[in-house]
Amino acid sequence: MGKLAFLLPGQGSQKVGMGSDLLQERPELLEPYFEQAEAASGLPIRRLCVEGPIEALTATDAAQPALFCVALATADLAREQGVVPDFAAGHSLGEYTAAVVAGALSPEDGIQLVSARGALMAAAQDEVPGGMAAVLGLEAEQVAALCESVDGRVAPANFNTPSQIVVSGDLDAIDALVEAAPGAGASRAVKLQVGAAFHSEAMVPVQAKMAEKMAGVAFSDPTIPIVSNASGEVVTTADGIREALLAQIASPVRWVDCVNTLADAGVDTYLELGPGKVLIGLVRQIRDGVNITAADSPKKVQRFVTG
């Protein structure tokens, strides 16, 4: 018998209108999360989700709590419909959502941490400017060599698929890498619209501040295992999840390892909960022959339940 993993999306999956179907059909699931997120962030999260504009919703301090709320409410709906996962995994921000889905963190504490994370990472864009770029068509070892070949500090940040790797670092180094990538065999290299070097050593100050935030938060052993972005391995303890959520802030997201770990543990069905289809697109490029579905509304969750 195959197993099911819930996948929770990270920044980049946001879109105007996300959560609208849930608000219309099951407002009691999503409204409380929006209210808590607005209190924690000081931002009009509900309005930005429903009305936009996309530029404001995409801002790091807004996108992170917004995605967390919509994904968590969708996961609540799936569980209410009798869908019980064997594992949970999230990409970057989504790992915080996964920790709540797995019962390691209360929704209230999750919202506080995610809002703080978004605000700290947004501030880092002003304090420690940097950049990121997606490199397509090269394997991990080739991307690492490319990073070493350019002047400046740049390193792999997201191992999204075997041939889609995001790098993170100083702006000049990112520009040099994008220019050099085709000559190294890349099919494409594209700068991302971010203002800081996320998932790199530049985020160590953010990591330290998040450690202070987490110090007063109670973590529990999860009811289901989650897979750590930083290690790509299964985590089953409260301390392990706290450490994983901290580590990933300044470490690469090893999504390929996460998916392979899930598949090796017997997962053959993946349900991405929240806006977009980013994660199921990545899973398809990592493992063949798996059942993958994205659900961001009551109708789509019901369709998954009824098969």
C-alpha atoms as a PDB file:
ATOM      1  CA  MET A   1       0.000   0.000   0.000  1.00  0.00           C
ATOM      2  CA  GLY A   2       1.463   3.344  -1.047  1.00  0.00           C
ATOM      3  CA  LYS A   3       1.728   6.343   1.241  1.00  0.00           C
ATOM      4  CA  LEU A   4       0.584   9.965   0.969  1.00  0.00           C
ATOM      5  CA  ALA A   5       2.610  13.133   1.530  1.00  0.00           C
ATOM      6  CA  PHE A   6       1.204  16.631   1.937  1.00  0.00           C
ATOM      7  CA  LEU A   7       3.358  19.215   0.144  1.00  0.00           C
ATOM      8  CA  LEU A   8       3.208  22.846   1.288  1.00  0.00           C
ATOM      9  CA  PRO A   9       4.357  25.600  -1.093  1.00  0.00           C
ATOM     10  CA  GLY A  10       6.826  28.394  -0.491  1.00  0.00           C
ATOM     11  CA  GLN A  11       7.297  31.923  -1.727  1.00  0.00           C
ATOM     12  CA  GLY A  12       6.745  32.230  -5.458  1.00  0.00           C
ATOM     13  CA  SER A  13       3.410  30.388  -5.434  1.00  0.00           C
ATOM     14  CA  GLN A  14       1.399  33.439  -4.386  1.00  0.00           C
ATOM     15  CA  LYS A  15      -1.261  34.785  -6.742  1.00  0.00           C
ATOM     16  CA  VAL A  16      -4.073  37.318  -6.449  1.00  0.00           C
ATOM     17  CA  GLY A  17      -7.318  35.545  -5.615  1.00  0.00           C
ATOM     18  CA  MET A  18      -5.722  32.797  -3.573  1.00  0.00           C
ATOM     19  CA  GLY A  19      -8.024  31.615  -0.812  1.00  0.00           C
ATOM     20  CA  SER A  20     -11.094  33.225  -2.411  1.00  0.00           C
ATOM     21  CA  ASP A  21     -12.917  29.906  -2.929  1.00  0.00           C
ATOM     22  CA  LEU A  22     -12.236  28.894   0.663  1.00  0.00           C
ATOM     23  CA  LEU A  23     -13.456  32.259   1.955  1.00  0.00           C
ATOM     24  CA  GLN A  24     -16.654  31.894  -0.046  1.00  0.00           C
ATOM     25  CA  GLU A  25     -17.428  28.268   0.815  1.00  0.00           C
ATOM     26  CA  ARG A  26     -15.705  27.664   4.181  1.00  0.00           C
ATOM     27  CA  PRO A  27     -14.811  31.047   5.672  1.00  0.00           C
ATOM     28  CA  GLU A  28     -14.549  29.609   9.190  1.00  0.00           C
ATOM     29  CA  LEU A  29     -11.430  27.691   8.142  1.00  0.00           C
ATOM     30  CA  LEU A  30      -9.478  30.613   6.700  1.00  0.00           C
ATOM     31  CA  GLU A  31     -10.790  33.808   8.332  1.00  0.00           C
ATOM     32  CA  PRO A  32      -9.273  33.088  11.784  1.00  0.00           C
ATOM     33  CA  TYR A  33      -5.839  32.539  10.239  1.00  0.00           C
ATOM     34  CA  PHE A  34      -6.080  35.766   8.265  1.00  0.00           C
ATOM     35  CA  GLU A  35      -7.094  37.669  11.415  1.00  0.00           C
ATOM     36  CA  GLN A  36      -4.128  36.289  13.351  1.00  0.00           C
ATOM     37  CA  ALA A  37      -1.727  36.962  10.474  1.00  0.00           C
ATOM     38  CA  GLU A  38      -2.915  40.551  10.151  1.00  0.00           C
ATOM     39  CA  ALA A  39      -2.429  41.090  13.881  1.00  0.00           C
ATOM     40  CA  ALA A  40       1.048  39.541  13.777  1.00  0.00           C
ATOM     41  CA  SER A  41       2.271  41.245  10.594  1.00  0.00           C
ATOM     42  CA  GLY A  42       0.400  44.546  10.677  1.00  0.00           C
ATOM     43  CA  LEU A  43      -0.478  43.996   7.018  1.00  0.00           C
ATOM     44  CA  PRO A  44      -3.883  43.597   5.273  1.00  0.00           C
ATOM     45  CA  ILE A  45      -3.209  39.941   4.411  1.00  0.00           C
ATOM     46  CA  ARG A  46      -6.809  39.036   3.547  1.00  0.00           C
ATOM     47  CA  ARG A  47      -7.257  41.970   1.166  1.00  0.00           C
ATOM     48  CA  LEU A  48      -3.912  41.360  -0.512  1.00  0.00           C
ATOM     49  CA  CYS A  49      -4.792  37.700  -1.117  1.00  0.00           C
ATOM     50  CA  VAL A  50      -8.213  38.454  -2.540  1.00  0.00           C
ATOM     51  CA  GLU A  51      -7.638  41.761  -4.333  1.00  0.00           C
ATOM     52  CA  GLY A  52      -3.888  42.270  -4.679  1.00  0.00           C
ATOM     53  CA  PRO A  53      -2.126  44.073  -6.181  1.00  0.00           C
ATOM     54  CA  ILE A  54       0.333  41.311  -6.973  1.00  0.00           C
ATOM     55  CA  GLU A  55       3.314  43.610  -6.293  1.00  0.00           C
ATOM     56  CA  ALA A  56       2.185  44.079  -2.685  1.00  0.00           C
ATOM     57  CA  LEU A  57       1.264  40.394  -2.252  1.00  0.00           C
ATOM     58  CA  THR A  58       4.686  39.354  -3.588  1.00  0.00           C
ATOM     59  CA  ALA A  59       6.548  41.438  -0.986  1.00  0.00           C
ATOM     60  CA  THR A  60       8.336  38.995   1.329  1.00  0.00           C
ATOM     61  CA  ASP A  61       6.700  40.239   4.538  1.00  0.00           C
ATOM     62  CA  ALA A  62       3.215  39.791   3.031  1.00  0.00           C
ATOM     63  CA  ALA A  63       3.716  36.692   0.867  1.00  0.00           C
ATOM     64  CA  GLN A  64       4.969  34.461   3.673  1.00  0.00           C
ATOM     65  CA  PRO A  65       2.040  34.809   6.116  1.00  0.00           C
ATOM     66  CA  ALA A  66      -0.423  34.883   3.199  1.00  0.00           C
ATOM     67  CA  LEU A  67       0.810  31.583   1.760  1.00  0.00           C
ATOM     68  CA  PHE A  68       0.980  30.033   5.218  1.00  0.00           C
ATOM     69  CA  CYS A  69      -2.670  30.890   5.962  1.00  0.00           C
ATOM     70  CA  VAL A  70      -4.082  29.640   2.659  1.00  0.00           C
ATOM     71  CA  ALA A  71      -2.035  26.431   2.618  1.00  0.00           C
ATOM     72  CA  LEU A  72      -2.829  25.620   6.248  1.00  0.00           C
ATOM     73  CA  ALA A  73      -6.582  26.179   5.809  1.00  0.00           C
ATOM     74  CA  THR A  74      -6.546  23.988   2.698  1.00  0.00           C
ATOM     75  CA  ALA A  75      -4.739  21.258   4.642  1.00  0.00           C
ATOM     76  CA  ASP A  76      -7.352  21.575   7.411  1.00  0.00           C
ATOM     77  CA  LEU A  77     -10.068  21.072   4.802  1.00  0.00           C
ATOM     78  CA  ALA A  78      -8.366  17.988   3.372  1.00  0.00           C
ATOM     79  CA  ARG A  79      -8.045  16.428   6.808  1.00  0.00           C
ATOM     80  CA  GLU A  80     -11.686  17.252   7.540  1.00  0.00           C
ATOM     81  CA  GLN A  81     -12.551  15.277   4.400  1.00  0.00           C
ATOM     82  CA  GLY A  82     -10.711  12.270   5.793  1.00  0.00           C
ATOM     83  CA  VAL A  83      -7.402  12.727   3.956  1.00  0.00           C
ATOM     84  CA  VAL A  84      -4.683  11.681   6.400  1.00  0.00           C
ATOM     85  CA  PRO A  85      -1.062  12.094   5.267  1.00  0.00           C
ATOM     86  CA  ASP A  86       1.797   9.799   6.216  1.00  0.00           C
ATOM     87  CA  PHE A  87       4.386  12.568   5.763  1.00  0.00           C
ATOM     88  CA  ALA A  88       4.519  16.346   5.313  1.00  0.00           C
ATOM     89  CA  ALA A  89       7.105  18.404   3.465  1.00  0.00           C
ATOM     90  CA  GLY A  90       7.291  22.072   2.584  1.00  0.00           C
ATOM     91  CA  HIS A  91       9.535  24.128   0.341  1.00  0.00           C
ATOM     92  CA  SER A  92      11.344  26.903   2.257  1.00  0.00           C
ATOM     93  CA  LEU A  93       8.514  28.855   3.954  1.00  0.00           C
ATOM     94  CA  GLY A  94       6.314  25.797   3.380  1.00  0.00           C
ATOM     95  CA  GLU A  95       8.377  23.819   5.882  1.00  0.00           C
ATOM     96  CA  TYR A  96       6.899  26.025   8.620  1.00  0.00           C
ATOM     97  CA  THR A  97       3.412  25.165   7.352  1.00  0.00           C
ATOM     98  CA  ALA A  98       4.419  21.493   7.295  1.00  0.00           C
ATOM     99  CA  ALA A  99       5.489  21.730  10.951  1.00  0.00           C
ATOM    100  CA  VAL A 100       1.990  22.933  11.882  1.00  0.00           C
ATOM    101  CA  VAL A 101       0.300  20.316   9.686  1.00  0.00           C
ATOM    102  CA  ALA A 102       2.434  17.669  11.422  1.00  0.00           C
ATOM    103  CA  GLY A 103       1.346  18.875  14.862  1.00  0.00           C
ATOM    104  CA  ALA A 104       4.804  20.036  15.935  1.00  0.00           C
ATOM    105  CA  LEU A 105       3.775  23.678  16.174  1.00  0.00           C
ATOM    106  CA  SER A 106       0.449  25.337  17.007  1.00  0.00           C
ATOM    107  CA  PRO A 107      -1.176  27.418  14.234  1.00  0.00           C
ATOM    108  CA  GLU A 108      -0.931  30.487  16.479  1.00  0.00           C
ATOM    109  CA  ASP A 109       2.801  30.043  17.052  1.00  0.00           C
ATOM    110  CA  GLY A 110       3.285  29.181  13.380  1.00  0.00           C
ATOM    111  CA  ILE A 111       1.671  32.445  12.296  1.00  0.00           C
ATOM    112  CA  GLN A 112       3.835  34.430  14.725  1.00  0.00           C
ATOM    113  CA  LEU A 113       7.035  32.758  13.489  1.00  0.00           C
ATOM    114  CA  VAL A 114       6.170  33.054   9.804  1.00  0.00           C
ATOM    115  CA  SER A 115       5.228  36.727  10.155  1.00  0.00           C
ATOM    116  CA  ALA A 116       8.521  37.387  11.962  1.00  0.00           C
ATOM    117  CA  ARG A 117      10.442  35.407   9.332  1.00  0.00           C
ATOM    118  CA  GLY A 118       8.850  37.393   6.509  1.00  0.00           C
ATOM    119  CA  ALA A 119       9.566  40.731   8.205  1.00  0.00           C
ATOM    120  CA  LEU A 120      13.188  39.801   8.993  1.00  0.00           C
ATOM    121  CA  MET A 121      13.862  38.534   5.478  1.00  0.00           C
ATOM    122  CA  ALA A 122      12.257  41.649   3.985  1.00  0.00           C
ATOM    123  CA  ALA A 123      14.482  43.838   6.193  1.00  0.00           C
ATOM    124  CA  ALA A 124      17.530  41.834   5.084  1.00  0.00           C
ATOM    125  CA  GLN A 125      16.921  43.012   1.519  1.00  0.00           C
ATOM    126  CA  ASP A 126      17.728  46.546   2.671  1.00  0.00           C
ATOM    127  CA  GLU A 127      20.450  45.652   5.182  1.00  0.00           C
ATOM    128  CA  VAL A 128      22.350  43.017   3.173  1.00  0.00           C
ATOM    129  CA  PRO A 129      21.457  43.385  -0.528  1.00  0.00           C
ATOM    130  CA  GLY A 130      22.013  40.325  -2.658  1.00  0.00           C
ATOM    131  CA  GLY A 131      20.423  38.307  -5.400  1.00  0.00           C
ATOM    132  CA  MET A 132      19.427  34.895  -6.688  1.00  0.00           C
ATOM    133  CA  ALA A 133      19.347  33.240 -10.110  1.00  0.00           C
ATOM    134  CA  ALA A 134      17.898  30.021 -11.497  1.00  0.00           C
ATOM    135  CA  VAL A 135      20.300  27.894 -13.522  1.00  0.00           C
ATOM    136  CA  LEU A 136      18.686  25.390 -15.893  1.00  0.00           C
ATOM    137  CA  GLY A 137      20.275  22.437 -17.640  1.00  0.00           C
ATOM    138  CA  LEU A 138      23.258  21.831 -15.355  1.00  0.00           C
ATOM    139  CA  GLU A 139      23.665  19.225 -12.620  1.00  0.00           C
ATOM    140  CA  ALA A 140      24.568  20.083  -9.033  1.00  0.00           C
ATOM    141  CA  GLU A 141      28.312  19.500  -9.431  1.00  0.00           C
ATOM    142  CA  GLN A 142      28.410  21.680 -12.551  1.00  0.00           C
ATOM    143  CA  VAL A 143      26.554  24.510 -10.806  1.00  0.00           C
ATOM    144  CA  ALA A 144      28.935  24.310  -7.839  1.00  0.00           C
ATOM    145  CA  ALA A 145      31.893  24.579 -10.216  1.00  0.00           C
ATOM    146  CA  LEU A 146      30.256  27.521 -11.978  1.00  0.00           C
ATOM    147  CA  CYS A 147      29.822  29.292  -8.616  1.00  0.00           C
ATOM    148  CA  GLU A 148      33.526  28.808  -7.873  1.00  0.00           C
ATOM    149  CA  SER A 149      34.517  30.131 -11.303  1.00  0.00           C
ATOM    150  CA  VAL A 150      33.138  33.651 -10.782  1.00  0.00           C
ATOM    151  CA  ASP A 151      34.496  36.380  -8.543  1.00  0.00           C
ATOM    152  CA  GLY A 152      32.445  37.048  -5.437  1.00  0.00           C
ATOM    153  CA  ARG A 153      30.347  35.080  -3.005  1.00  0.00           C
ATOM    154  CA  VAL A 154      27.700  32.875  -4.644  1.00  0.00           C
ATOM    155  CA  ALA A 155      26.566  29.327  -3.879  1.00  0.00           C
ATOM    156  CA  PRO A 156      23.722  26.889  -4.625  1.00  0.00           C
ATOM    157  CA  ALA A 157      20.601  27.763  -2.606  1.00  0.00           C
ATOM    158  CA  ASN A 158      17.755  25.582  -3.933  1.00  0.00           C
ATOM    159  CA  PHE A 159      18.240  22.124  -5.435  1.00  0.00           C
ATOM    160  CA  ASN A 160      14.774  22.119  -6.988  1.00  0.00           C
ATOM    161  CA  THR A 161      15.274  19.356  -9.572  1.00  0.00           C
ATOM    162  CA  PRO A 162      18.362  17.532 -10.844  1.00  0.00           C
ATOM    163  CA  SER A 163      18.727  20.212 -13.534  1.00  0.00           C
ATOM    164  CA  GLN A 164      17.059  23.292 -11.990  1.00  0.00           C
ATOM    165  CA  ILE A 165      19.223  24.821  -9.298  1.00  0.00           C
ATOM    166  CA  VAL A 166      18.900  28.288  -7.791  1.00  0.00           C
ATOM    167  CA  VAL A 167      22.045  30.112  -6.678  1.00  0.00           C
ATOM    168  CA  SER A 168      22.277  32.881  -4.118  1.00  0.00           C
ATOM    169  CA  GLY A 169      24.897  35.508  -3.368  1.00  0.00           C
ATOM    170  CA  ASP A 170      26.362  38.948  -3.968  1.00  0.00           C
ATOM    171  CA  LEU A 171      24.779  40.957  -6.779  1.00  0.00           C
ATOM    172  CA  ASP A 172      27.960  41.288  -8.848  1.00  0.00           C
ATOM    173  CA  ALA A 173      28.661  37.564  -8.502  1.00  0.00           C
ATOM    174  CA  ILE A 174      25.099  36.705  -9.560  1.00  0.00           C
ATOM    175  CA  ASP A 175      25.424  38.917 -12.653  1.00  0.00           C
ATOM    176  CA  ALA A 176      28.753  37.300 -13.528  1.00  0.00           C
ATOM    177  CA  LEU A 177      27.336  33.805 -13.078  1.00  0.00           C
ATOM    178  CA  VAL A 178      24.297  34.501 -15.277  1.00  0.00           C
ATOM    179  CA  GLU A 179      26.649  35.762 -17.984  1.00  0.00           C
ATOM    180  CA  ALA A 180      28.982  32.761 -17.688  1.00  0.00           C
ATOM    181  CA  ALA A 181      26.297  30.065 -17.399  1.00  0.00           C
ATOM    182  CA  PRO A 182      25.636  29.477 -21.149  1.00  0.00           C
ATOM    183  CA  GLY A 183      29.344  28.973 -21.761  1.00  0.00           C
ATOM    184  CA  ALA A 184      29.345  26.341 -19.009  1.00  0.00           C
ATOM    185  CA  GLY A 185      26.581  24.423 -20.759  1.00  0.00           C
ATOM    186  CA  ALA A 186      23.468  25.818 -19.070  1.00  0.00           C
ATOM    187  CA  SER A 187      20.373  26.002 -21.238  1.00  0.00           C
ATOM    188  CA  ARG A 188      19.371  29.162 -19.398  1.00  0.00           C
ATOM    189  CA  ALA A 189      20.205  31.277 -16.350  1.00  0.00           C
ATOM    190  CA  VAL A 190      17.684  33.822 -15.101  1.00  0.00           C
ATOM    191  CA  LYS A 191      17.942  36.365 -12.297  1.00  0.00           C
ATOM    192  CA  LEU A 192      15.060  36.149  -9.830  1.00  0.00           C
ATOM    193  CA  GLN A 193      13.096  39.145  -8.605  1.00  0.00           C
ATOM    194  CA  VAL A 194      14.424  39.093  -5.041  1.00  0.00           C
ATOM    195  CA  GLY A 195      16.567  41.609  -3.213  1.00  0.00           C
ATOM    196  CA  ALA A 196      18.613  39.373  -0.933  1.00  0.00           C
ATOM    197  CA  ALA A 197      20.674  36.184  -0.976  1.00  0.00           C
ATOM    198  CA  PHE A 198      18.144  33.882   0.672  1.00  0.00           C
ATOM    199  CA  HIS A 199      19.199  30.408   1.864  1.00  0.00           C
ATOM    200  CA  SER A 200      22.836  31.468   2.047  1.00  0.00           C
ATOM    201  CA  GLU A 201      25.383  32.579   4.652  1.00  0.00           C
ATOM    202  CA  ALA A 202      24.060  36.128   4.212  1.00  0.00           C
ATOM    203  CA  MET A 203      20.975  35.014   6.155  1.00  0.00           C
ATOM    204  CA  VAL A 204      22.909  34.076   9.316  1.00  0.00           C
ATOM    205  CA  PRO A 205      21.800  37.333  11.062  1.00  0.00           C
ATOM    206  CA  VAL A 206      18.164  36.485  10.236  1.00  0.00           C
ATOM    207  CA  GLN A 207      18.772  32.977  11.536  1.00  0.00           C
ATOM    208  CA  ALA A 208      20.077  34.357  14.840  1.00  0.00           C
ATOM    209  CA  LYS A 209      17.020  36.585  15.277  1.00  0.00           C
ATOM    210  CA  MET A 210      14.678  33.703  14.449  1.00  0.00           C
ATOM    211  CA  ALA A 211      16.448  31.586  17.076  1.00  0.00           C
ATOM    212  CA  GLU A 212      15.497  34.239  19.633  1.00  0.00           C
ATOM    213  CA  LYS A 213      11.873  34.164  18.418  1.00  0.00           C
ATOM    214  CA  MET A 214      11.773  30.361  18.643  1.00  0.00           C
ATOM    215  CA  ALA A 215      13.262  30.280  22.134  1.00  0.00           C
ATOM    216  CA  GLY A 216       9.876  31.054  23.680  1.00  0.00           C
ATOM    217  CA  VAL A 217       7.866  28.762  21.417  1.00  0.00           C
ATOM    218  CA  ALA A 218       6.755  25.283  22.460  1.00  0.00           C
ATOM    219  CA  PHE A 219       7.458  22.563  19.883  1.00  0.00           C
ATOM    220  CA  SER A 220       5.956  19.053  20.122  1.00  0.00           C
ATOM    221  CA  ASP A 221       6.949  15.739  18.628  1.00  0.00           C
ATOM    222  CA  PRO A 222       5.074  15.589  15.305  1.00  0.00           C
ATOM    223  CA  THR A 223       2.187  13.184  14.749  1.00  0.00           C
ATOM    224  CA  ILE A 224       3.621  12.474  11.294  1.00  0.00           C
ATOM    225  CA  PRO A 225       7.242  12.836  10.156  1.00  0.00           C
ATOM    226  CA  ILE A 226       8.346  15.856   8.134  1.00  0.00           C
ATOM    227  CA  VAL A 227      11.305  15.969   5.769  1.00  0.00           C
ATOM    228  CA  SER A 228      13.900  18.660   6.422  1.00  0.00           C
ATOM    229  CA  ASN A 229      14.873  21.109   3.662  1.00  0.00           C
ATOM    230  CA  ALA A 230      18.351  21.505   5.131  1.00  0.00           C
ATOM    231  CA  SER A 231      19.206  17.792   5.379  1.00  0.00           C
ATOM    232  CA  GLY A 232      16.705  16.114   3.060  1.00  0.00           C
ATOM    233  CA  GLU A 233      16.088  13.605   5.845  1.00  0.00           C
ATOM    234  CA  VAL A 234      13.084  12.584   7.946  1.00  0.00           C
ATOM    235  CA  VAL A 235      12.597  14.462  11.234  1.00  0.00           C
ATOM    236  CA  THR A 236      10.435  12.986  14.001  1.00  0.00           C
ATOM    237  CA  THR A 237      11.183  14.985  17.171  1.00  0.00           C
ATOM    238  CA  ALA A 238      10.311  18.428  18.510  1.00  0.00           C
ATOM    239  CA  ASP A 239      13.961  19.418  18.823  1.00  0.00           C
ATOM    240  CA  GLY A 240      14.692  18.101  15.343  1.00  0.00           C
ATOM    241  CA  ILE A 241      11.953  20.224  13.795  1.00  0.00           C
ATOM    242  CA  ARG A 242      13.038  23.352  15.658  1.00  0.00           C
ATOM    243  CA  GLU A 243      16.601  22.791  14.411  1.00  0.00           C
ATOM    244  CA  ALA A 244      15.398  22.105  10.850  1.00  0.00           C
ATOM    245  CA  LEU A 245      13.319  25.300  10.696  1.00  0.00           C
ATOM    246  CA  LEU A 246      16.291  27.315  11.895  1.00  0.00           C
ATOM    247  CA  ALA A 247      18.874  25.601   9.700  1.00  0.00           C
ATOM    248  CA  GLN A 248      17.000  26.120   6.435  1.00  0.00           C
ATOM    249  CA  ILE A 249      17.099  29.923   6.743  1.00  0.00           C
ATOM    250  CA  ALA A 250      20.821  30.026   5.932  1.00  0.00           C
ATOM    251  CA  SER A 251      21.170  26.636   4.199  1.00  0.00           C
ATOM    252  CA  PRO A 252      20.248  25.353   0.736  1.00  0.00           C
ATOM    253  CA  VAL A 253      16.808  23.835   0.186  1.00  0.00           C
ATOM    254  CA  ARG A 254      17.544  20.222  -0.783  1.00  0.00           C
ATOM    255  CA  TRP A 255      14.196  19.566  -2.450  1.00  0.00           C
ATOM    256  CA  VAL A 256      15.515  16.765  -4.653  1.00  0.00           C
ATOM    257  CA  ASP A 257      16.696  14.926  -1.548  1.00  0.00           C
ATOM    258  CA  CYS A 258      13.373  15.606   0.198  1.00  0.00           C
ATOM    259  CA  VAL A 259      11.365  14.050  -2.635  1.00  0.00           C
ATOM    260  CA  ASN A 260      13.715  11.088  -2.974  1.00  0.00           C
ATOM    261  CA  THR A 261      13.511  10.480   0.788  1.00  0.00           C
ATOM    262  CA  LEU A 262       9.715  10.494   0.617  1.00  0.00           C
ATOM    263  CA  ALA A 263       9.665   8.146  -2.373  1.00  0.00           C
ATOM    264  CA  ASP A 264      12.150   5.780  -0.733  1.00  0.00           C
ATOM    265  CA  ALA A 265       9.870   5.715   2.342  1.00  0.00           C
ATOM    266  CA  GLY A 266       7.024   4.422   0.199  1.00  0.00           C
ATOM    267  CA  VAL A 267       5.263   7.651  -0.761  1.00  0.00           C
ATOM    268  CA  ASP A 268       3.640   7.314  -4.180  1.00  0.00           C
ATOM    269  CA  THR A 269       0.911   9.981  -3.839  1.00  0.00           C
ATOM    270  CA  TYR A 270       1.587  13.690  -3.349  1.00  0.00           C
ATOM    271  CA  LEU A 271      -1.016  16.358  -2.605  1.00  0.00           C
ATOM    272  CA  GLU A 272       0.132  19.980  -2.910  1.00  0.00           C
ATOM    273  CA  LEU A 273      -2.097  22.129  -0.716  1.00  0.00           C
ATOM    274  CA  GLY A 274      -2.289  25.849  -1.398  1.00  0.00           C
ATOM    275  CA  PRO A 275      -2.004  28.106  -4.429  1.00  0.00           C
ATOM    276  CA  GLY A 276      -0.142  27.118  -7.564  1.00  0.00           C
ATOM    277  CA  LYS A 277       1.406  23.917  -8.854  1.00  0.00           C
ATOM    278  CA  VAL A 278       5.092  24.671  -8.359  1.00  0.00           C
ATOM    279  CA  LEU A 279       5.892  21.679  -6.169  1.00  0.00           C
ATOM    280  CA  ILE A 280       4.067  19.047  -8.192  1.00  0.00           C
ATOM    281  CA  GLY A 281       5.935  20.328 -11.248  1.00  0.00           C
ATOM    282  CA  LEU A 282       9.226  19.797  -9.429  1.00  0.00           C
ATOM    283  CA  VAL A 283       8.221  16.335  -8.163  1.00  0.00           C
ATOM    284  CA  ARG A 284       7.423  15.229 -11.709  1.00  0.00           C
ATOM    285  CA  GLN A 285      10.972  16.091 -12.735  1.00  0.00           C
ATOM    286  CA  ILE A 286      12.471  14.184  -9.797  1.00  0.00           C
ATOM    287  CA  ARG A 287      10.472  10.924  -9.696  1.00  0.00           C
ATOM    288  CA  ASP A 288       8.539   9.108 -12.413  1.00  0.00           C
ATOM    289  CA  GLY A 289       5.348   7.143 -11.944  1.00  0.00           C
ATOM    290  CA  VAL A 290       3.887   8.929  -8.943  1.00  0.00           C
ATOM    291  CA  ASN A 291       0.376  10.257  -8.395  1.00  0.00           C
ATOM    292  CA  ILE A 292       0.525  14.041  -8.015  1.00  0.00           C
ATOM    293  CA  THR A 293      -2.353  16.472  -7.414  1.00  0.00           C
ATOM    294  CA  ALA A 294      -2.605  20.164  -6.557  1.00  0.00           C
ATOM    295  CA  ALA A 295      -5.566  21.457  -4.567  1.00  0.00           C
ATOM    296  CA  ASP A 296      -6.256  25.055  -3.566  1.00  0.00           C
ATOM    297  CA  SER A 297     -10.057  25.021  -3.226  1.00  0.00           C
ATOM    298  CA  PRO A 298     -12.864  22.930  -1.689  1.00  0.00           C
ATOM    299  CA  LYS A 299     -13.796  21.643  -5.146  1.00  0.00           C
ATOM    300  CA  LYS A 300     -10.286  20.392  -5.882  1.00  0.00           C
ATOM    301  CA  VAL A 301      -9.913  18.799  -2.451  1.00  0.00           C
ATOM    302  CA  GLN A 302     -13.220  17.013  -2.982  1.00  0.00           C
ATOM    303  CA  ARG A 303     -12.079  15.845  -6.404  1.00  0.00           C
ATOM    304  CA  PHE A 304      -8.971  14.321  -4.788  1.00  0.00           C
ATOM    305  CA  VAL A 305     -11.101  12.595  -2.134  1.00  0.00           C
ATOM    306  CA  THR A 306     -13.526  11.059  -4.623  1.00  0.00           C
ATOM    307  CA  GLY A 307     -10.761  10.117  -7.036  1.00  0.00           C
END
